[in-house]
Amino acid sequence: MDGRDWGLFLQPYEQAVEELKVKFKTMRAELKSREDYAPIEFVTGRVKRVSSILDKAKRLNVSEDRLHIGIEDIAGIRIMCQFVDDIYRVASLIRSRQDLKLVYEKDYITNYKESGYRSYHMIIEYPVQTALGHTLILAEIQIRTLAMNFWATIEHSLNYKYKKDLPEEVKYRLQKAAEAANLLDNEMTSIRKEILDAQMTFEENSNCVAAILSGIQKLYSYHEVRLAAQYQGKFNIAFAQEDYDALEQISVELTADIAQARKNKAYLD
């Protein structure tokens, strides 16, 4: 496989990874805005290293002129979820998209590998518009929980170290670790409502604090120095006592006073 311009060959894959990352991050933001909860925790992506492409091509007996067909994960997207149920929802959302074509999918969660590996894989065909025109590339989307990803990352490192010939003791311990990771996912699913309620409360409290501090700065900008100082004092006391009911009330009162201060400034101007 000498003589290939790898930079040119990989360019559309790099473009696809960047575009898909943006699209799935946008999906996350939209779902969070619509439903106050997004099944996507975060998104990462990568283009396979040349050495890894060559190793896989040799292992699968893929010729140089068929790399774009025979190696399906040159472009890779990884989507992390909090809960196992979220994985299937994300897969459904991807299936319904019109800007890519699903080639096939593999459920390694229901049908996990003997090693203990769990993940949901989707191979897609994605259109890339390059300077030379339109081209279709294959990309792999892996959807996992954080626990699944932690295990898979460790397994990948060990396989690299032992050149995929893991000692039996290491295999056994990895299998036990996979069972523990699966148990963790099941436990988290069983208390899903409590987790989401706690996260929602934390986010609401954080937003309230941010709104108050921003509002105090607005009062200063309207030259309401004394009023701003009074609110700062109230905030300091409520925040120190972690009294979020009081902070909510402060936020309501502050919003009204900001509106009045704005009117006063407009009148004076």
Protein backbone atom coordinates (compact mmCIF):
# COMPACT_ATOMS: atom_id res chain seq x y z
CA MET A 1 0.00 0.00 0.00
CA ASP A 2 2.87 2.37 -0.80
CA GLY A 3 2.39 5.67 -2.56
CA ARG A 4 -1.06 6.57 -1.18
CA ASP A 5 -1.60 10.18 -0.16
CA TRP A 6 -3.06 9.44 3.25
CA GLY A 7 -3.82 13.06 4.02
CA LEU A 8 -5.98 13.32 0.92
CA PHE A 9 -7.59 9.91 1.53
CA LEU A 10 -8.52 10.71 5.14
CA GLN A 11 -9.73 14.27 4.52
CA PRO A 12 -13.41 13.38 3.84
CA TYR A 13 -13.41 11.12 6.90
CA GLU A 14 -12.09 13.95 9.05
CA GLN A 15 -14.76 16.26 7.63
CA ALA A 16 -17.47 13.66 8.31
CA VAL A 17 -16.38 13.22 11.93
CA GLU A 18 -16.48 16.97 12.57
CA GLU A 19 -19.89 17.36 10.91
CA LEU A 20 -21.40 14.40 12.75
CA LYS A 21 -20.08 15.61 16.10
CA VAL A 22 -21.75 18.97 15.54
CA LYS A 23 -25.01 17.33 14.47
CA PHE A 24 -25.23 15.03 17.47
CA LYS A 25 -24.25 17.81 19.89
CA THR A 26 -27.00 19.92 18.33
CA MET A 27 -29.41 17.01 18.76
CA ARG A 28 -28.46 16.86 22.43
CA ALA A 29 -29.06 20.59 22.91
CA GLU A 30 -32.41 20.47 21.12
CA LEU A 31 -33.67 17.50 23.13
CA LYS A 32 -32.58 19.14 26.37
CA SER A 33 -34.37 22.33 25.38
CA ARG A 34 -37.57 20.50 24.41
CA GLU A 35 -37.70 17.88 27.16
CA ASP A 36 -35.36 19.14 29.93
CA TYR A 37 -33.44 15.89 29.47
CA ALA A 38 -31.16 14.62 26.74
CA PRO A 39 -30.36 10.90 26.36
CA ILE A 40 -26.95 11.96 25.03
CA GLU A 41 -24.40 12.73 27.73
CA PHE A 42 -21.57 13.73 25.38
CA VAL A 43 -20.16 12.98 21.92
CA THR A 44 -16.62 12.25 20.74
CA GLY A 45 -15.15 11.31 17.39
CA ARG A 46 -11.95 10.20 15.75
CA VAL A 47 -10.43 9.16 12.45
CA LYS A 48 -8.59 5.85 12.57
CA ARG A 49 -4.79 6.09 12.53
CA VAL A 50 -3.05 4.97 9.36
CA SER A 51 -1.25 2.16 11.23
CA SER A 52 -4.59 0.88 12.56
CA ILE A 53 -6.13 1.01 9.08
CA LEU A 54 -3.24 -1.00 7.65
CA ASP A 55 -3.39 -3.54 10.50
CA LYS A 56 -7.11 -4.04 10.04
CA ALA A 57 -6.82 -4.26 6.25
CA LYS A 58 -4.20 -6.98 6.64
CA ARG A 59 -6.29 -8.86 9.20
CA LEU A 60 -9.44 -8.71 7.05
CA ASN A 61 -7.56 -9.21 3.77
CA VAL A 62 -8.84 -5.92 2.35
CA SER A 63 -7.00 -4.67 -0.74
CA GLU A 64 -5.78 -1.08 -1.10
CA ASP A 65 -8.46 -0.15 -3.63
CA ARG A 66 -11.24 -1.39 -1.33
CA LEU A 67 -10.30 0.35 1.93
CA HIS A 68 -13.27 2.71 1.64
CA ILE A 69 -15.62 -0.32 1.51
CA GLY A 70 -13.81 -2.96 3.53
CA ILE A 71 -12.91 -0.83 6.56
CA GLU A 72 -16.16 0.52 7.95
CA ASP A 73 -14.85 2.38 10.99
CA ILE A 74 -12.20 4.71 9.53
CA ALA A 75 -14.51 7.47 10.72
CA GLY A 76 -15.82 6.78 14.22
CA ILE A 77 -18.34 8.57 16.42
CA ARG A 78 -18.91 7.61 20.04
CA ILE A 79 -22.08 8.70 21.86
CA MET A 80 -22.19 8.36 25.66
CA CYS A 81 -25.42 7.88 27.58
CA GLN A 82 -26.28 7.79 31.26
CA PHE A 83 -28.65 4.83 31.06
CA VAL A 84 -28.98 1.72 28.91
CA ASP A 85 -32.51 2.72 27.84
CA ASP A 86 -31.07 5.96 26.47
CA ILE A 87 -28.90 3.97 24.06
CA TYR A 88 -31.92 2.50 22.29
CA ARG A 89 -33.63 5.88 22.11
CA VAL A 90 -30.55 7.46 20.54
CA ALA A 91 -30.33 4.58 18.05
CA SER A 92 -33.97 5.18 17.12
CA LEU A 93 -33.33 8.89 16.61
CA ILE A 94 -30.36 8.14 14.36
CA ARG A 95 -32.43 5.65 12.35
CA SER A 96 -34.99 8.36 11.60
CA ARG A 97 -32.51 10.94 10.31
CA GLN A 98 -32.62 11.94 6.64
CA ASP A 99 -29.03 13.20 6.41
CA LEU A 100 -27.46 9.75 6.65
CA LYS A 101 -28.28 6.19 5.64
CA LEU A 102 -28.18 3.25 8.02
CA VAL A 103 -26.31 0.31 6.49
CA TYR A 104 -26.64 -2.10 9.40
CA GLU A 105 -26.52 -2.22 13.19
CA LYS A 106 -25.29 -4.64 15.84
CA ASP A 107 -26.64 -4.85 19.37
CA TYR A 108 -23.71 -5.94 21.52
CA ILE A 109 -25.70 -5.08 24.64
CA THR A 110 -28.41 -7.71 24.34
CA ASN A 111 -25.94 -10.00 22.55
CA TYR A 112 -22.73 -9.07 24.31
CA LYS A 113 -19.42 -10.59 23.26
CA GLU A 114 -17.78 -13.46 25.12
CA SER A 115 -15.14 -11.04 26.39
CA GLY A 116 -17.87 -9.04 28.13
CA TYR A 117 -17.84 -6.21 25.58
CA ARG A 118 -21.12 -4.27 25.45
CA SER A 119 -21.97 -1.47 23.04
CA TYR A 120 -24.45 -0.60 20.30
CA HIS A 121 -22.91 -0.24 16.83
CA MET A 122 -24.42 1.45 13.79
CA ILE A 123 -22.68 1.54 10.43
CA ILE A 124 -23.88 4.46 8.36
CA GLU A 125 -23.30 5.89 4.92
CA TYR A 126 -22.71 9.62 5.16
CA PRO A 127 -22.51 12.16 2.29
CA VAL A 128 -19.56 14.54 2.35
CA GLN A 129 -19.28 17.57 0.10
CA THR A 130 -15.60 18.12 -0.66
CA ALA A 131 -13.83 20.61 -2.91
CA LEU A 132 -13.83 17.95 -5.62
CA GLY A 133 -17.52 17.13 -5.30
CA HIS A 134 -19.89 14.81 -3.50
CA THR A 135 -18.68 11.54 -1.97
CA LEU A 136 -20.20 8.89 0.29
CA ILE A 137 -18.21 7.40 3.13
CA LEU A 138 -18.86 4.72 5.73
CA ALA A 139 -18.70 5.63 9.41
CA GLU A 140 -19.29 3.73 12.63
CA ILE A 141 -21.36 5.10 15.50
CA GLN A 142 -20.87 3.44 18.88
CA ILE A 143 -23.46 4.17 21.56
CA ARG A 144 -22.52 3.24 25.13
CA THR A 145 -23.07 4.01 28.76
CA LEU A 146 -20.18 5.52 30.70
CA ALA A 147 -19.60 2.18 32.44
CA MET A 148 -19.47 0.32 29.13
CA ASN A 149 -17.02 2.85 27.74
CA PHE A 150 -14.73 2.64 30.77
CA TRP A 151 -14.54 -1.15 30.41
CA ALA A 152 -14.04 -1.03 26.62
CA THR A 153 -11.24 1.54 26.93
CA ILE A 154 -9.37 -0.67 29.40
CA GLU A 155 -9.88 -3.76 27.25
CA HIS A 156 -8.60 -1.92 24.18
CA SER A 157 -5.43 -0.88 26.02
CA LEU A 158 -4.81 -4.42 27.25
CA ASN A 159 -5.39 -5.89 23.80
CA TYR A 160 -2.85 -3.44 22.40
CA LYS A 161 -0.33 -4.38 25.08
CA TYR A 162 -0.74 -8.13 24.56
CA LYS A 163 -1.29 -7.86 20.78
CA LYS A 164 -4.81 -9.33 21.16
CA ASP A 165 -3.42 -12.44 22.86
CA LEU A 166 -4.62 -11.81 26.39
CA PRO A 167 -3.50 -14.21 29.15
CA GLU A 168 -6.37 -16.34 30.47
CA GLU A 169 -6.17 -14.72 33.90
CA VAL A 170 -6.54 -11.26 32.36
CA LYS A 171 -9.47 -12.45 30.21
CA TYR A 172 -11.21 -13.85 33.27
CA ARG A 173 -10.73 -10.69 35.28
CA LEU A 174 -11.97 -8.57 32.38
CA GLN A 175 -15.10 -10.72 32.15
CA LYS A 176 -15.73 -10.21 35.87
CA ALA A 177 -15.19 -6.48 35.44
CA ALA A 178 -17.69 -6.46 32.57
CA GLU A 179 -20.27 -8.16 34.78
CA ALA A 180 -19.66 -5.55 37.47
CA ALA A 181 -20.06 -2.72 34.93
CA ASN A 182 -23.32 -4.26 33.73
CA LEU A 183 -24.55 -4.56 37.31
CA LEU A 184 -23.74 -0.88 37.82
CA ASP A 185 -25.75 0.06 34.72
CA ASN A 186 -28.70 -2.01 35.96
CA GLU A 187 -28.55 -0.40 39.40
CA MET A 188 -28.43 3.09 37.89
CA THR A 189 -31.46 2.24 35.74
CA SER A 190 -33.37 1.10 38.82
CA ILE A 191 -32.94 4.53 40.45
CA ARG A 192 -33.17 6.50 37.22
CA LYS A 193 -35.98 8.78 38.45
CA GLU A 194 -34.12 9.70 41.63
CA ILE A 195 -30.93 10.44 39.66
CA LEU A 196 -32.72 12.63 37.11
CA ASP A 197 -34.65 14.47 39.82
CA ALA A 198 -31.40 15.20 41.67
CA GLN A 199 -29.70 16.40 38.48
CA MET A 200 -32.66 18.60 37.60
CA THR A 201 -32.68 20.16 41.08
CA PHE A 202 -28.95 20.82 40.91
CA GLU A 203 -29.28 22.47 37.49
CA GLU A 204 -32.21 24.61 38.59
CA ASN A 205 -30.33 25.75 41.69
CA SER A 206 -27.23 26.53 39.64
CA ASN A 207 -29.29 28.54 37.15
CA CYS A 208 -30.93 30.46 39.99
CA VAL A 209 -27.58 31.41 41.50
CA ALA A 210 -26.24 32.49 38.10
CA ALA A 211 -29.38 34.58 37.42
CA ILE A 212 -29.09 36.39 40.77
CA LEU A 213 -25.41 37.24 40.32
CA SER A 214 -26.09 38.44 36.77
CA GLY A 215 -29.02 40.49 38.03
CA ILE A 216 -26.92 42.17 40.72
CA GLN A 217 -24.42 43.19 38.04
CA LYS A 218 -27.28 44.69 36.01
CA LEU A 219 -28.32 46.80 39.00
CA TYR A 220 -24.77 48.12 39.25
CA SER A 221 -24.85 48.93 35.52
CA TYR A 222 -28.05 50.94 36.14
CA HIS A 223 -26.22 52.77 38.97
CA GLU A 224 -28.50 51.22 41.61
CA VAL A 225 -25.49 50.70 43.88
CA ARG A 226 -27.34 50.63 47.21
CA LEU A 227 -30.00 48.23 45.93
CA ALA A 228 -27.36 45.99 44.37
CA ALA A 229 -25.44 45.87 47.66
CA GLN A 230 -28.64 44.92 49.52
CA TYR A 231 -29.27 42.04 47.14
CA GLN A 232 -25.66 40.93 47.42
CA GLY A 233 -26.06 40.77 51.19
CA LYS A 234 -29.30 38.75 50.94
CA PHE A 235 -27.67 36.43 48.43
CA ASN A 236 -24.59 35.85 50.61
CA ILE A 237 -26.73 34.82 53.59
CA ALA A 238 -29.08 32.52 51.63
CA PHE A 239 -26.24 30.92 49.68
CA ALA A 240 -24.19 30.29 52.82
CA GLN A 241 -27.20 28.58 54.41
CA GLU A 242 -27.98 26.68 51.18
CA ASP A 243 -31.51 28.06 51.42
CA TYR A 244 -32.64 27.64 47.83
CA ASP A 245 -36.23 28.61 48.60
CA ALA A 246 -34.91 31.97 49.78
CA LEU A 247 -32.73 32.24 46.68
CA GLU A 248 -35.77 31.61 44.46
CA GLN A 249 -37.61 34.43 46.25
CA ILE A 250 -34.60 36.72 45.89
CA SER A 251 -34.54 35.96 42.17
CA VAL A 252 -38.22 36.88 41.78
CA GLU A 253 -37.82 40.17 43.68
CA LEU A 254 -34.59 40.99 41.86
CA THR A 255 -36.25 40.51 38.47
CA ALA A 256 -38.95 43.02 39.42
CA ASP A 257 -36.42 45.56 40.69
CA ILE A 258 -34.28 45.20 37.55
CA ALA A 259 -37.36 45.94 35.42
CA GLN A 260 -38.06 49.06 37.50
CA ALA A 261 -34.43 50.17 37.35
CA ARG A 262 -34.52 49.78 33.57
CA LYS A 263 -37.62 51.99 33.38
CA ASN A 264 -36.01 54.59 35.62
CA LYS A 265 -32.89 54.68 33.46
CA ALA A 266 -34.93 54.97 30.28
CA TYR A 267 -36.92 57.86 31.82
CA LEU A 268 -33.76 59.71 32.85
CA ASP A 269 -32.16 59.16 29.45
